[in-house]
């Protein structure tokens, strides 16, 4: 069974940076897509970024393009989300997800708070 554990969240000032990590275990990920999603208070969960485990093809939400970078280290079975130029509207719980055709494994989430 796939297990995903996020870390790296915290409080940061607007304009600052944070790097989130997602430690993945439970299987060989092969062609899996690994994604980051976020959910702000009172809002629905939204897609942030994704990466294909093999090959590294990436995709980003328009709201984070040019500011966030998703990457993976296959030797550590870890996916990262480097977040720069953070804005107060990036405040949310960030979730790591994994799946082959749809996202069917989720982490517990890590809080990111950006102060103005």
C-alpha atoms as a PDB file:
ATOM      1  CA  UNK A   1       0.000   0.000   0.000  1.00  0.00           C
ATOM      2  CA  UNK A   2       1.311   3.409  -0.962  1.00  0.00           C
ATOM      3  CA  UNK A   3       2.207   5.694   1.913  1.00  0.00           C
ATOM      4  CA  UNK A   4       2.964   9.375   1.486  1.00  0.00           C
ATOM      5  CA  UNK A   5       4.368  11.584   4.245  1.00  0.00           C
ATOM      6  CA  UNK A   6       4.691  15.331   3.714  1.00  0.00           C
ATOM      7  CA  UNK A   7       7.014  17.647   5.575  1.00  0.00           C
ATOM      8  CA  UNK A   8       8.509  21.106   5.275  1.00  0.00           C
ATOM      9  CA  UNK A   9       5.511  23.324   5.851  1.00  0.00           C
ATOM     10  CA  UNK A  10       5.612  26.351   8.104  1.00  0.00           C
ATOM     11  CA  UNK A  11       5.186  30.085   8.435  1.00  0.00           C
ATOM     12  CA  UNK A  12       6.950  32.358   5.965  1.00  0.00           C
ATOM     13  CA  UNK A  13       6.711  36.018   4.991  1.00  0.00           C
ATOM     14  CA  UNK A  14       5.412  37.049   1.607  1.00  0.00           C
ATOM     15  CA  UNK A  15       8.189  36.851  -0.957  1.00  0.00           C
ATOM     16  CA  UNK A  16       9.903  34.044   0.894  1.00  0.00           C
ATOM     17  CA  UNK A  17      10.547  30.424  -0.011  1.00  0.00           C
ATOM     18  CA  UNK A  18       9.785  26.975   1.344  1.00  0.00           C
ATOM     19  CA  UNK A  19      10.522  23.461   0.155  1.00  0.00           C
ATOM     20  CA  UNK A  20       8.001  20.720   0.791  1.00  0.00           C
ATOM     21  CA  UNK A  21       8.991  17.073   0.754  1.00  0.00           C
ATOM     22  CA  UNK A  22       6.889  13.979   0.200  1.00  0.00           C
ATOM     23  CA  UNK A  23       8.443  10.670   1.215  1.00  0.00           C
ATOM     24  CA  UNK A  24       6.803   7.864  -0.749  1.00  0.00           C
ATOM     25  CA  UNK A  25       6.848   4.152   0.047  1.00  0.00           C
ATOM     26  CA  UNK A  26       4.954   0.929  -0.506  1.00  0.00           C
ATOM     27  CA  UNK A  27       5.661   0.148  -4.135  1.00  0.00           C
ATOM     28  CA  UNK A  28       7.820   0.831  -7.160  1.00  0.00           C
ATOM     29  CA  UNK A  29       6.393   3.967  -8.705  1.00  0.00           C
ATOM     30  CA  UNK A  30       7.293   3.433 -12.334  1.00  0.00           C
ATOM     31  CA  UNK A  31       4.853   5.451 -14.439  1.00  0.00           C
ATOM     32  CA  UNK A  32       2.983   6.890 -11.467  1.00  0.00           C
ATOM     33  CA  UNK A  33       2.091  10.549 -11.398  1.00  0.00           C
ATOM     34  CA  UNK A  34       3.036  12.313  -8.200  1.00  0.00           C
ATOM     35  CA  UNK A  35       1.111  15.462  -7.466  1.00  0.00           C
ATOM     36  CA  UNK A  36       0.839  18.341  -5.045  1.00  0.00           C
ATOM     37  CA  UNK A  37      -2.562  19.756  -4.187  1.00  0.00           C
ATOM     38  CA  UNK A  38      -3.624  22.411  -1.709  1.00  0.00           C
ATOM     39  CA  UNK A  39      -6.722  23.386   0.186  1.00  0.00           C
ATOM     40  CA  UNK A  40      -7.261  26.803   1.691  1.00  0.00           C
ATOM     41  CA  UNK A  41      -9.861  27.419   4.420  1.00  0.00           C
ATOM     42  CA  UNK A  42     -13.345  27.469   2.960  1.00  0.00           C
ATOM     43  CA  UNK A  43     -12.137  26.458  -0.498  1.00  0.00           C
ATOM     44  CA  UNK A  44     -12.004  23.255  -2.478  1.00  0.00           C
ATOM     45  CA  UNK A  45      -8.819  21.282  -2.903  1.00  0.00           C
ATOM     46  CA  UNK A  46      -6.957  22.425  -6.008  1.00  0.00           C
ATOM     47  CA  UNK A  47      -4.202  21.051  -8.180  1.00  0.00           C
ATOM     48  CA  UNK A  48      -0.773  22.674  -7.815  1.00  0.00           C
ATOM     49  CA  UNK A  49       1.763  20.594  -9.729  1.00  0.00           C
ATOM     50  CA  UNK A  50       2.547  17.069 -10.878  1.00  0.00           C
ATOM     51  CA  UNK A  51       5.455  15.014 -12.117  1.00  0.00           C
ATOM     52  CA  UNK A  52       5.683  11.627 -13.777  1.00  0.00           C
ATOM     53  CA  UNK A  53       7.961   9.397 -11.751  1.00  0.00           C
ATOM     54  CA  UNK A  54       9.682   7.961 -14.825  1.00  0.00           C
ATOM     55  CA  UNK A  55      10.748  10.636 -17.242  1.00  0.00           C
ATOM     56  CA  UNK A  56      10.006  13.629 -15.046  1.00  0.00           C
ATOM     57  CA  UNK A  57       7.324  15.269 -17.197  1.00  0.00           C
ATOM     58  CA  UNK A  58       5.860  18.152 -15.162  1.00  0.00           C
ATOM     59  CA  UNK A  59       2.644  20.140 -15.118  1.00  0.00           C
ATOM     60  CA  UNK A  60       1.675  23.247 -13.123  1.00  0.00           C
ATOM     61  CA  UNK A  61      -1.365  25.245 -12.236  1.00  0.00           C
ATOM     62  CA  UNK A  62      -1.310  28.676 -13.845  1.00  0.00           C
ATOM     63  CA  UNK A  63      -1.328  30.312 -10.409  1.00  0.00           C
ATOM     64  CA  UNK A  64       2.078  28.847  -9.499  1.00  0.00           C
ATOM     65  CA  UNK A  65       3.896  28.725 -12.853  1.00  0.00           C
ATOM     66  CA  UNK A  66       7.268  30.409 -12.628  1.00  0.00           C
ATOM     67  CA  UNK A  67       7.207  30.382  -8.818  1.00  0.00           C
ATOM     68  CA  UNK A  68       6.954  26.702  -7.869  1.00  0.00           C
ATOM     69  CA  UNK A  69       9.068  23.797  -9.067  1.00  0.00           C
ATOM     70  CA  UNK A  70       8.227  20.124  -8.617  1.00  0.00           C
ATOM     71  CA  UNK A  71      10.990  17.537  -8.717  1.00  0.00           C
ATOM     72  CA  UNK A  72      11.726  14.005  -7.544  1.00  0.00           C
ATOM     73  CA  UNK A  73      14.709  12.088  -6.280  1.00  0.00           C
ATOM     74  CA  UNK A  74      14.221   8.487  -7.315  1.00  0.00           C
ATOM     75  CA  UNK A  75      17.075   7.301  -5.092  1.00  0.00           C
ATOM     76  CA  UNK A  76      15.276   8.692  -2.037  1.00  0.00           C
ATOM     77  CA  UNK A  77      11.715   7.984  -3.228  1.00  0.00           C
ATOM     78  CA  UNK A  78      10.927  11.599  -2.469  1.00  0.00           C
ATOM     79  CA  UNK A  79       9.030  14.293  -4.322  1.00  0.00           C
ATOM     80  CA  UNK A  80       9.721  17.970  -3.658  1.00  0.00           C
ATOM     81  CA  UNK A  81       7.855  21.199  -4.173  1.00  0.00           C
ATOM     82  CA  UNK A  82      10.138  24.216  -4.152  1.00  0.00           C
ATOM     83  CA  UNK A  83       8.015  27.297  -3.573  1.00  0.00           C
ATOM     84  CA  UNK A  84       9.401  30.777  -4.161  1.00  0.00           C
ATOM     85  CA  UNK A  85       7.967  34.294  -4.254  1.00  0.00           C
ATOM     86  CA  UNK A  86       5.253  33.105  -1.914  1.00  0.00           C
ATOM     87  CA  UNK A  87       2.060  35.123  -1.608  1.00  0.00           C
ATOM     88  CA  UNK A  88      -0.548  35.223   1.170  1.00  0.00           C
ATOM     89  CA  UNK A  89      -2.963  33.493  -1.211  1.00  0.00           C
ATOM     90  CA  UNK A  90      -0.633  30.463  -1.236  1.00  0.00           C
ATOM     91  CA  UNK A  91      -1.647  29.823   2.369  1.00  0.00           C
ATOM     92  CA  UNK A  92      -3.188  26.355   2.528  1.00  0.00           C
ATOM     93  CA  UNK A  93      -2.720  22.781   3.620  1.00  0.00           C
ATOM     94  CA  UNK A  94      -0.565  21.133   0.973  1.00  0.00           C
ATOM     95  CA  UNK A  95      -1.122  17.484   0.127  1.00  0.00           C
ATOM     96  CA  UNK A  96       1.013  15.003  -1.739  1.00  0.00           C
ATOM     97  CA  UNK A  97      -0.810  12.492  -3.939  1.00  0.00           C
ATOM     98  CA  UNK A  98       0.084   9.537  -6.138  1.00  0.00           C
ATOM     99  CA  UNK A  99      -1.662   7.456  -8.740  1.00  0.00           C
ATOM    100  CA  UNK A 100      -1.358   5.683 -12.058  1.00  0.00           C
ATOM    101  CA  UNK A 101      -4.568   6.837 -13.807  1.00  0.00           C
ATOM    102  CA  UNK A 102      -6.073   8.859 -10.998  1.00  0.00           C
ATOM    103  CA  UNK A 103      -4.762  10.031  -7.657  1.00  0.00           C
ATOM    104  CA  UNK A 104      -5.704   7.311  -5.191  1.00  0.00           C
ATOM    105  CA  UNK A 105      -3.126   7.735  -2.450  1.00  0.00           C
ATOM    106  CA  UNK A 106      -2.877  10.862  -0.337  1.00  0.00           C
ATOM    107  CA  UNK A 107      -0.683  12.148   2.432  1.00  0.00           C
ATOM    108  CA  UNK A 108      -1.908  13.770   5.616  1.00  0.00           C
ATOM    109  CA  UNK A 109      -0.997  17.286   4.521  1.00  0.00           C
ATOM    110  CA  UNK A 110       1.343  19.998   5.742  1.00  0.00           C
ATOM    111  CA  UNK A 111       0.338  23.564   6.593  1.00  0.00           C
ATOM    112  CA  UNK A 112       1.882  26.471   4.721  1.00  0.00           C
ATOM    113  CA  UNK A 113       1.107  29.947   6.002  1.00  0.00           C
ATOM    114  CA  UNK A 114       2.315  33.054   4.182  1.00  0.00           C
ATOM    115  CA  UNK A 115       2.103  36.296   6.129  1.00  0.00           C
ATOM    116  CA  UNK A 116       1.757  39.669   4.438  1.00  0.00           C
END
